[in-house]
Amino acid sequence: MTLIEQIRTLVFTFIYGIVFAFLFNILYRFLFTKSIIINIVTNFIFFFLMGSIYFYFIYLISGGIIHYYMLFLFLISFFLYNHLFKKIRI
């Protein structure tokens, strides 16, 4: 993977982590409900859709090459968003 591809994947991963955290906060009410069936279905659909979108764009950017530091950057951006905007939880 070239340096440009690495930079693109890192920027995309950081932005996607923020978008993921934003959507997670919006859908928080539906992801954790009292009904176990609704909980399982919404969790599966949400995480499958978000994971599929992420891997599709990683495939377009870098040919599907994934490194461990991309996971760390995703988690950092997710927790950064939640730390900065924790009062916005709907």
Protein backbone atom coordinates (compact mmCIF):
# COMPACT_ATOMS: atom_id res chain seq x y z
CA MET A 1 0.00 0.00 0.00
CA THR A 2 1.41 3.38 -0.97
CA LEU A 3 1.72 6.33 1.37
CA ILE A 4 -1.16 8.17 -0.33
CA GLU A 5 -3.43 5.13 0.13
CA GLN A 6 -2.45 4.91 3.79
CA ILE A 7 -3.22 8.58 4.37
CA ARG A 8 -6.57 8.24 2.59
CA THR A 9 -7.51 5.18 4.63
CA LEU A 10 -6.50 6.87 7.89
CA VAL A 11 -8.49 10.03 7.10
CA PHE A 12 -11.48 7.97 5.98
CA THR A 13 -11.28 5.77 9.09
CA PHE A 14 -11.16 8.80 11.39
CA ILE A 15 -14.11 10.48 9.67
CA TYR A 16 -16.05 7.22 9.54
CA GLY A 17 -15.50 6.71 13.28
CA ILE A 18 -17.05 10.12 13.93
CA VAL A 19 -19.97 9.39 11.60
CA PHE A 20 -20.44 5.99 13.22
CA ALA A 21 -20.51 7.55 16.69
CA PHE A 22 -22.99 10.18 15.51
CA LEU A 23 -25.34 7.57 14.04
CA PHE A 24 -24.88 5.36 17.08
CA ASN A 25 -25.97 8.24 19.31
CA ILE A 26 -29.00 8.94 17.13
CA LEU A 27 -30.05 5.28 17.08
CA TYR A 28 -29.12 4.66 20.73
CA ARG A 29 -32.76 4.57 21.77
CA PHE A 30 -33.54 1.80 19.27
CA LEU A 31 -30.35 -0.20 19.80
CA PHE A 32 -31.00 -0.78 23.49
CA THR A 33 -34.67 -1.49 24.03
CA LYS A 34 -36.45 -3.71 26.52
CA SER A 35 -37.57 -6.18 23.86
CA ILE A 36 -34.81 -8.69 23.21
CA ILE A 37 -36.03 -9.47 19.67
CA ILE A 38 -36.04 -5.82 18.60
CA ASN A 39 -32.66 -5.38 20.26
CA ILE A 40 -31.09 -8.28 18.36
CA VAL A 41 -32.59 -7.29 15.01
CA THR A 42 -31.69 -3.59 15.21
CA ASN A 43 -28.17 -4.32 16.46
CA PHE A 44 -27.57 -6.83 13.69
CA ILE A 45 -28.91 -4.56 10.94
CA PHE A 46 -27.07 -1.47 12.19
CA PHE A 47 -23.68 -3.09 12.70
CA PHE A 48 -23.89 -5.19 9.55
CA LEU A 49 -24.78 -2.14 7.46
CA MET A 50 -22.10 0.06 9.02
CA GLY A 51 -19.46 -2.66 8.70
CA SER A 52 -20.38 -3.36 5.08
CA ILE A 53 -20.18 0.32 4.17
CA TYR A 54 -16.79 0.65 5.88
CA PHE A 55 -15.26 -2.39 4.20
CA TYR A 56 -16.67 -1.36 0.82
CA PHE A 57 -14.97 2.04 0.98
CA ILE A 58 -11.73 0.51 2.31
CA TYR A 59 -11.84 -1.83 -0.66
CA LEU A 60 -12.25 1.14 -3.02
CA ILE A 61 -9.49 3.16 -1.38
CA SER A 62 -6.80 0.56 -0.67
CA GLY A 63 -7.91 -2.65 -2.32
CA GLY A 64 -9.25 -4.07 0.95
CA ILE A 65 -5.99 -3.97 2.90
CA ILE A 66 -6.66 -3.48 6.59
CA HIS A 67 -4.10 -2.82 9.31
CA TYR A 68 -4.45 -2.91 13.09
CA TYR A 69 -3.81 0.84 13.41
CA MET A 70 -6.99 1.52 11.45
CA LEU A 71 -8.97 -0.13 14.24
CA PHE A 72 -7.18 2.00 16.83
CA LEU A 73 -7.89 5.18 14.87
CA PHE A 74 -11.54 4.20 14.50
CA LEU A 75 -11.85 3.63 18.24
CA ILE A 76 -10.05 6.88 19.03
CA SER A 77 -12.37 8.88 16.78
CA PHE A 78 -15.43 7.09 18.21
CA PHE A 79 -14.44 7.84 21.81
CA LEU A 80 -13.32 11.37 20.93
CA TYR A 81 -16.75 12.13 19.48
CA ASN A 82 -18.51 10.62 22.49
CA HIS A 83 -16.28 12.53 24.90
CA LEU A 84 -16.74 15.87 23.16
CA PHE A 85 -20.47 15.50 22.55
CA LYS A 86 -21.62 13.30 25.44
CA LYS A 87 -24.35 15.78 26.43
CA ILE A 88 -26.03 15.45 23.01
CA ARG A 89 -27.09 11.83 23.45
CA ILE A 90 -30.68 11.60 22.27
